[in-house]
N, C-alpha and C. Protein backbone atom coordinates (compact mmCIF):
# COMPACT_ATOMS: atom_id res chain seq x y z
N MET A 1 64.38 111.75 23.48
CA MET A 1 65.59 110.81 23.27
C MET A 1 64.88 109.50 23.48
N SER A 2 65.18 108.69 22.35
CA SER A 2 64.76 107.24 22.27
C SER A 2 65.16 106.39 23.43
N ASP A 3 64.35 105.15 23.97
CA ASP A 3 64.93 104.55 24.80
C ASP A 3 66.19 103.59 24.45
N ALA A 4 66.15 103.31 23.33
CA ALA A 4 67.49 102.77 22.80
C ALA A 4 68.75 103.69 22.55
N LYS A 5 68.67 104.88 22.61
CA LYS A 5 70.11 105.64 22.82
C LYS A 5 70.17 105.87 24.13
N PHE A 6 69.06 106.10 25.02
CA PHE A 6 69.60 106.14 26.28
C PHE A 6 69.91 104.98 27.17
N ILE A 7 69.69 103.69 26.64
CA ILE A 7 70.24 102.58 27.20
C ILE A 7 71.72 102.57 27.00
N LEU A 8 71.73 102.65 25.49
CA LEU A 8 73.34 102.31 24.86
C LEU A 8 74.06 103.56 25.83
N GLY A 9 73.66 104.77 26.00
CA GLY A 9 74.43 105.61 26.60
C GLY A 9 74.89 105.07 28.23
N GLN A 10 73.78 104.75 29.04
CA GLN A 10 74.13 104.53 30.07
C GLN A 10 74.72 103.07 30.40
N GLN A 11 74.66 102.48 29.16
CA GLN A 11 75.57 101.06 29.12
C GLN A 11 77.12 101.20 28.80
N LEU A 12 77.38 102.39 27.83
CA LEU A 12 78.57 103.06 27.66
C LEU A 12 79.33 103.63 29.32
N ARG A 13 78.45 104.54 29.92
CA ARG A 13 79.11 104.83 30.86
C ARG A 13 79.41 103.90 31.73
N TYR A 14 78.50 102.96 31.79
CA TYR A 14 78.96 101.70 32.73
C TYR A 14 79.86 101.15 32.71
N PHE A 15 80.22 100.80 31.50
CA PHE A 15 81.84 100.48 31.18
C PHE A 15 82.82 101.13 31.35
N ARG A 16 82.74 102.51 31.14
CA ARG A 16 83.82 103.66 31.15
C ARG A 16 84.01 103.91 32.58
N ARG A 17 83.25 103.52 33.49
CA ARG A 17 83.26 103.76 34.79
C ARG A 17 83.89 102.52 35.51
N GLN A 18 83.48 101.21 35.09
CA GLN A 18 84.02 100.39 35.31
C GLN A 18 85.54 100.17 35.06
N LEU A 19 86.18 100.84 33.75
CA LEU A 19 87.17 100.58 33.56
C LEU A 19 88.43 101.90 33.65
N LYS A 20 87.45 102.67 34.75
CA LYS A 20 88.02 104.08 35.08
C LYS A 20 88.57 104.68 34.30
N LEU A 21 87.97 105.03 33.31
CA LEU A 21 88.40 106.13 32.61
C LEU A 21 87.65 107.37 32.02
N ARG A 22 88.20 108.20 31.48
CA ARG A 22 87.68 109.50 31.29
C ARG A 22 86.89 109.34 29.72
N GLN A 23 85.98 110.19 29.63
CA GLN A 23 85.42 109.98 28.08
C GLN A 23 86.35 109.92 27.10
N MET A 24 87.56 110.74 27.12
CA MET A 24 88.45 110.94 25.95
C MET A 24 88.99 109.70 25.87
N GLU A 25 89.64 108.73 26.61
CA GLU A 25 90.41 107.65 26.92
C GLU A 25 89.22 106.61 26.63
N MET A 26 87.86 106.67 26.70
CA MET A 26 86.98 105.67 25.95
C MET A 26 87.01 105.96 25.02
N ALA A 27 86.62 107.53 24.39
CA ALA A 27 86.48 107.34 22.86
C ALA A 27 87.70 106.85 21.97
N ARG A 28 89.23 106.84 23.12
CA ARG A 28 90.12 106.24 22.09
C ARG A 28 90.10 104.96 21.76
N ARG A 29 89.69 104.21 23.03
CA ARG A 29 89.49 103.06 23.41
C ARG A 29 88.23 102.22 22.08
N LEU A 30 87.36 102.88 22.45
CA LEU A 30 86.55 102.65 20.78
C LEU A 30 86.81 102.96 19.34
N GLY A 31 87.66 103.83 19.43
CA GLY A 31 88.05 104.50 17.85
C GLY A 31 87.04 105.34 17.31
N VAL A 32 86.64 105.97 18.21
CA VAL A 32 85.61 107.24 17.60
C VAL A 32 85.65 108.70 18.58
N SER A 33 85.74 109.71 18.05
CA SER A 33 85.83 110.96 18.30
C SER A 33 85.49 111.22 19.64
N ASN A 34 85.99 112.45 20.31
CA ASN A 34 85.49 112.34 21.59
C ASN A 34 84.17 113.04 21.85
N SER A 35 84.14 113.93 20.61
CA SER A 35 82.45 114.54 20.60
C SER A 35 81.41 113.06 20.10
N LEU A 36 82.13 112.60 19.41
CA LEU A 36 81.38 111.49 19.15
C LEU A 36 80.84 110.25 20.27
N TYR A 37 81.87 110.11 20.88
CA TYR A 37 81.43 109.26 22.52
C TYR A 37 80.61 110.14 23.10
N SER A 38 80.81 111.62 23.47
CA SER A 38 79.94 112.24 24.34
C SER A 38 78.55 112.41 23.99
N LYS A 39 78.44 112.26 22.66
CA LYS A 39 77.00 112.25 22.48
C LYS A 39 76.41 110.92 22.32
N LEU A 40 77.22 109.99 22.36
CA LEU A 40 76.63 108.61 22.43
C LEU A 40 76.08 108.55 24.02
N GLU A 41 77.22 108.93 24.65
CA GLU A 41 76.86 108.48 26.04
C GLU A 41 75.99 109.02 27.09
N SER A 42 75.89 110.21 26.28
CA SER A 42 74.63 111.25 26.63
C SER A 42 73.09 110.83 26.21
N GLY A 43 73.45 109.79 25.05
CA GLY A 43 72.15 109.33 24.40
C GLY A 43 71.54 110.58 23.34
N GLN A 44 72.08 111.21 23.10
CA GLN A 44 71.90 112.43 21.85
C GLN A 44 71.60 111.84 20.44
N ILE A 45 72.14 110.77 20.27
CA ILE A 45 72.34 110.00 19.41
C ILE A 45 72.92 108.30 19.14
N SER A 46 72.39 107.86 18.03
CA SER A 46 72.54 106.53 18.06
C SER A 46 73.87 106.37 16.98
N THR A 47 74.05 104.73 16.87
CA THR A 47 75.33 104.52 15.95
C THR A 47 74.38 103.26 15.06
N THR A 48 75.87 103.05 14.23
CA THR A 48 75.68 101.78 12.91
C THR A 48 75.62 100.61 14.08
N PRO A 49 75.14 99.42 13.25
CA PRO A 49 75.21 98.23 14.06
C PRO A 49 76.89 97.52 13.89
N ARG A 50 77.36 97.85 12.80
CA ARG A 50 78.55 97.55 12.38
C ARG A 50 79.83 98.19 14.04
N ARG A 51 79.36 99.51 13.95
CA ARG A 51 80.51 100.04 15.24
C ARG A 51 79.70 99.09 16.40
N LEU A 52 78.27 99.36 16.82
CA LEU A 52 78.13 98.48 17.91
C LEU A 52 78.61 97.36 18.14
N GLU A 53 79.07 96.15 17.09
CA GLU A 53 79.82 94.76 17.08
C GLU A 53 81.23 95.39 17.22
N LYS A 54 81.57 96.79 16.74
CA LYS A 54 83.20 96.68 17.55
C LYS A 54 83.22 97.41 18.91
N PHE A 55 82.07 98.02 19.15
CA PHE A 55 82.14 98.42 20.75
C PHE A 55 82.11 97.30 21.71
N ALA A 56 81.34 96.46 21.18
CA ALA A 56 81.31 95.37 22.23
C ALA A 56 82.42 94.26 22.05
N ALA A 57 82.91 93.70 21.33
CA ALA A 57 83.85 93.53 20.86
C ALA A 57 85.28 93.87 21.76
N GLN A 58 85.66 95.74 22.07
CA GLN A 58 86.53 95.81 22.42
C GLN A 58 86.09 95.91 24.16
N LEU A 59 85.16 96.03 24.39
CA LEU A 59 84.17 96.09 25.97
C LEU A 59 84.19 94.67 26.27
N GLN A 60 84.23 93.57 25.36
CA GLN A 60 84.26 92.30 25.91
C GLN A 60 82.63 91.77 26.42
N THR A 61 81.75 92.24 25.68
CA THR A 61 80.72 92.30 25.93
C THR A 61 79.64 91.97 24.58
N SER A 62 78.12 91.70 25.00
CA SER A 62 77.72 91.23 23.77
C SER A 62 77.01 92.74 23.39
N VAL A 63 76.50 92.75 22.09
CA VAL A 63 75.90 93.76 21.60
C VAL A 63 74.45 94.05 21.95
N GLU A 64 73.84 92.72 22.59
CA GLU A 64 72.47 92.71 23.16
C GLU A 64 72.86 93.51 24.54
N PHE A 65 73.47 93.06 25.00
CA PHE A 65 73.95 93.62 26.83
C PHE A 65 74.42 94.99 26.52
N LEU A 66 75.16 95.25 25.80
CA LEU A 66 75.41 96.91 25.36
C LEU A 66 74.16 97.64 24.86
N THR A 67 73.10 97.09 24.28
CA THR A 67 72.07 98.13 23.80
C THR A 67 70.62 97.53 24.55
N THR A 68 70.62 96.56 25.07
CA THR A 68 69.41 96.29 26.08
C THR A 68 69.96 96.41 27.49
N GLY A 69 70.88 96.13 28.14
CA GLY A 69 71.31 95.85 29.36
C GLY A 69 70.61 94.41 29.37
N GLN A 70 70.40 93.81 28.83
CA GLN A 70 70.01 92.15 29.03
C GLN A 70 70.94 91.54 28.18
N GLY A 71 71.10 89.92 28.60
CA GLY A 71 71.97 89.00 27.92
C GLY A 71 73.51 88.99 28.73
N GLN A 72 74.16 88.61 28.03
CA GLN A 72 75.35 88.14 28.52
C GLN A 72 76.67 89.32 28.73
N GLU A 73 76.94 89.93 29.76
CA GLU A 73 77.43 91.00 30.31
C GLU A 73 78.92 90.84 29.54
N HIS A 74 79.56 89.78 30.00
CA HIS A 74 81.11 88.91 29.52
C HIS A 74 81.01 88.20 28.58
N VAL A 75 81.31 88.48 27.64
CA VAL A 75 81.55 87.46 26.36
C VAL A 75 83.39 86.56 26.71
N ASP A 76 83.48 85.68 26.02
CA ASP A 76 84.79 84.90 25.99
C ASP A 76 85.51 86.21 25.33
N THR A 77 87.17 86.16 25.71
CA THR A 77 87.85 87.18 25.02
C THR A 77 88.14 86.77 23.69
N TYR A 78 88.10 85.11 23.40
CA TYR A 78 88.62 85.11 21.92
C TYR A 78 87.83 85.55 20.72
N THR A 79 86.27 85.45 21.33
CA THR A 79 85.62 85.83 20.76
C THR A 79 85.39 87.42 20.65
N ALA A 80 85.39 88.04 21.52
CA ALA A 80 85.39 89.60 21.60
C ALA A 80 86.46 90.05 20.85
N VAL A 81 87.82 89.55 21.08
CA VAL A 81 88.78 90.04 20.20
C VAL A 81 88.80 89.64 18.88
N MET A 82 88.31 88.43 18.42
CA MET A 82 87.96 88.27 17.14
C MET A 82 86.59 87.87 16.50
N PRO A 83 86.06 89.25 16.29
CA PRO A 83 84.66 88.91 16.00
C PRO A 83 84.40 88.39 14.28
N GLY A 84 83.57 87.37 14.30
CA GLY A 84 83.11 86.71 13.58
C GLY A 84 83.29 85.23 13.49
N THR A 85 83.94 84.75 15.17
CA THR A 85 84.49 83.66 15.20
C THR A 85 83.43 82.45 15.32
N ALA A 86 82.36 82.98 15.99
CA ALA A 86 81.31 82.17 16.16
C ALA A 86 80.57 81.84 15.01
N GLU A 87 80.50 82.41 13.77
CA GLU A 87 80.29 82.07 12.34
C GLU A 87 81.11 81.24 11.98
N LEU A 88 82.56 81.17 12.14
CA LEU A 88 83.45 80.48 11.22
C LEU A 88 83.35 78.80 11.83
N SER A 89 82.89 78.80 13.36
CA SER A 89 82.88 77.83 14.00
C SER A 89 81.81 76.53 13.45
N GLY A 90 80.97 77.25 12.57
CA GLY A 90 79.96 76.26 11.78
C GLY A 90 80.48 75.91 10.69
N LEU A 91 81.82 75.92 10.28
CA LEU A 91 81.98 75.94 9.32
C LEU A 91 83.21 74.30 9.30
N SER A 92 83.42 73.31 8.40
CA SER A 92 83.86 72.22 8.14
C SER A 92 85.32 72.80 8.21
N LEU A 93 86.37 71.71 8.65
CA LEU A 93 87.73 71.87 8.24
C LEU A 93 88.19 71.93 6.60
N ASP A 94 87.29 71.37 5.83
CA ASP A 94 87.49 71.51 4.46
C ASP A 94 87.15 73.00 4.10
N ALA A 95 85.92 73.30 4.38
CA ALA A 95 85.53 74.80 4.20
C ALA A 95 86.56 75.90 4.53
N LEU A 96 87.03 76.14 5.83
CA LEU A 96 87.72 76.75 5.93
C LEU A 96 89.20 76.70 5.51
N GLN A 97 89.89 75.34 5.28
CA GLN A 97 90.93 75.22 4.14
C GLN A 97 90.56 75.97 2.86
N ARG A 98 89.50 75.41 2.66
CA ARG A 98 89.45 76.41 1.27
C ARG A 98 89.34 78.10 1.18
N LEU A 99 88.81 78.20 2.49
CA LEU A 99 88.63 79.86 2.55
C LEU A 99 89.91 80.27 2.73
N VAL A 100 90.81 79.67 3.70
CA VAL A 100 92.43 80.25 3.72
C VAL A 100 93.16 80.39 2.13
N GLU A 101 92.90 79.13 1.44
CA GLU A 101 93.65 78.98 0.30
C GLU A 101 93.11 79.90 -0.51
N LEU A 102 91.65 80.21 -0.88
CA LEU A 102 91.24 81.01 -1.38
C LEU A 102 92.12 83.02 -0.93
N ALA A 103 92.05 83.15 0.51
CA ALA A 103 92.43 84.37 0.55
C ALA A 103 93.73 84.66 0.17
N GLN A 104 94.55 83.34 0.08
CA GLN A 104 96.00 83.54 -0.34
C GLN A 104 96.23 83.71 -1.44
N ASP A 105 95.59 83.63 -2.25
CA ASP A 105 95.41 83.83 -3.97
C ASP A 105 95.89 84.65 -4.28
N PRO A 106 97.35 85.31 -4.90
CA PRO A 106 97.63 86.52 -5.13
C PRO A 106 96.57 87.40 -6.36
N LYS A 107 95.88 86.74 -7.25
CA LYS A 107 95.26 87.16 -7.89
C LYS A 107 93.98 87.97 -7.04
N LEU A 108 92.94 86.98 -6.53
CA LEU A 108 92.14 87.35 -5.61
C LEU A 108 92.43 88.57 -4.70
N ALA A 109 93.86 89.00 -4.25
CA ALA A 109 94.43 89.73 -3.05
C ALA A 109 94.52 91.21 -4.45
N THR A 110 94.75 90.81 -5.66
CA THR A 110 95.23 91.94 -6.42
C THR A 110 93.76 92.79 -7.04
N LEU A 111 92.97 91.69 -7.35
CA LEU A 111 91.40 91.96 -7.45
C LEU A 111 90.49 93.21 -6.02
N ALA A 112 90.98 92.39 -5.22
CA ALA A 112 90.36 92.82 -3.87
C ALA A 112 90.88 94.48 -3.68
N ALA A 113 92.45 94.35 -4.38
CA ALA A 113 92.85 95.70 -4.05
C ALA A 113 92.22 97.02 -5.22
N GLN A 114 92.22 96.25 -5.91
CA GLN A 114 91.35 96.89 -7.24
C GLN A 114 89.76 97.52 -7.11
N VAL A 115 89.13 96.78 -6.52
CA VAL A 115 87.80 96.96 -6.05
C VAL A 115 87.66 97.68 -4.91
N ALA A 116 88.42 97.81 -3.87
CA ALA A 116 88.71 98.52 -2.63
C ALA A 116 88.03 99.91 -2.68
N PRO A 117 88.64 100.85 -3.53
CA PRO A 117 88.51 101.93 -3.89
C PRO A 117 86.99 102.28 -4.00
N THR A 118 86.12 101.43 -4.92
CA THR A 118 85.28 101.67 -5.44
C THR A 118 84.47 101.09 -4.38
N LEU A 119 84.60 100.16 -3.22
CA LEU A 119 83.43 99.82 -2.38
C LEU A 119 83.79 100.79 -1.32
N ARG A 120 84.84 101.63 -1.34
CA ARG A 120 84.78 102.51 -0.21
C ARG A 120 85.12 101.88 0.89
N THR A 121 86.27 100.85 0.93
CA THR A 121 86.69 100.23 1.78
C THR A 121 88.27 99.40 2.05
N THR A 122 88.30 99.10 2.93
CA THR A 122 90.01 98.45 3.16
C THR A 122 90.37 97.26 2.30
N PRO A 123 91.58 97.10 1.89
CA PRO A 123 91.59 95.95 0.95
C PRO A 123 91.02 94.81 1.25
N GLN A 124 91.39 94.61 2.78
CA GLN A 124 91.00 93.41 3.62
C GLN A 124 89.63 93.18 3.63
N ARG A 125 88.59 94.04 3.56
CA ARG A 125 87.11 93.80 3.70
C ARG A 125 86.89 93.87 1.99
N ALA A 126 87.62 94.28 1.20
CA ALA A 126 87.33 94.22 -0.09
C ALA A 126 87.45 92.45 -0.37
N LEU A 127 88.35 91.81 -0.07
CA LEU A 127 88.98 90.48 -0.18
C LEU A 127 88.01 89.46 0.50
N ALA A 128 87.16 89.95 1.46
CA ALA A 128 86.23 89.49 2.29
C ALA A 128 85.00 89.39 1.25
N VAL A 129 84.87 90.85 0.79
CA VAL A 129 83.48 90.39 0.02
C VAL A 129 83.82 89.57 -1.34
N VAL A 130 85.22 89.67 -2.01
CA VAL A 130 85.41 88.57 -2.96
C VAL A 130 85.21 87.38 -2.67
N LEU A 131 86.03 87.16 -1.46
CA LEU A 131 85.90 85.66 -1.08
C LEU A 131 84.35 85.35 -0.55
N ARG A 132 83.28 86.08 -0.51
CA ARG A 132 81.76 85.79 -0.10
C ARG A 132 81.10 85.60 -1.40
N THR A 133 81.60 86.25 -2.31
CA THR A 133 81.04 86.05 -3.56
C THR A 133 81.47 84.97 -4.18
N ILE A 134 82.76 84.43 -4.22
CA ILE A 134 82.93 82.97 -4.61
C ILE A 134 82.41 82.44 -4.28
N LEU A 135 82.50 82.18 -3.20
CA LEU A 135 81.67 81.09 -2.14
C LEU A 135 80.10 80.97 -2.32
N LEU A 136 79.70 82.12 -1.99
CA LEU A 136 77.98 82.16 -2.25
C LEU A 136 77.50 81.80 -3.44
N GLY A 137 78.62 82.70 -4.60
CA GLY A 137 78.18 83.03 -5.75
C GLY A 137 78.44 81.73 -6.85
N GLY A 138 79.46 81.32 -6.54
CA GLY A 138 79.72 80.01 -7.25
C GLY A 138 81.05 80.27 -8.19
N GLY A 139 81.51 81.69 -8.04
CA GLY A 139 82.23 81.87 -8.89
C GLY A 139 83.43 80.99 -9.01
N GLN A 140 84.54 81.01 -9.82
CA GLN A 140 85.94 80.53 -9.80
C GLN A 140 86.81 81.51 -9.74
N SER A 141 87.78 80.87 -9.12
CA SER A 141 89.38 81.61 -8.56
C SER A 141 89.96 81.44 -9.81
């Protein structure tokens, strides 16, 4: 068993005990199957960075603390509930306004719905991909 898997398992167990939950309750809270959660907590398997971010947000902790036991144990509730807010805080109001305008464009929502199956993701995530492409790729809406 690798150290990373072991530490993640220990941290998950720590949070589960702090929350006074059984494994199946913790699995439900984290949005994974009981079997997967059990394997994670026992250190048998690792998980994806994206799933780690979701776990950290749900547990209101940092990914660093969850994966290493170091760093900030508790994070601001707003950023924990709204992952990605730290990245948005660096944008100007004009840039945020443009992002909101683009996100409300019905043509872009239609495009996102069309590409979502190809990307194997939700329409919301596909819209994020479309918006990123426009903003970073210089495309026109």
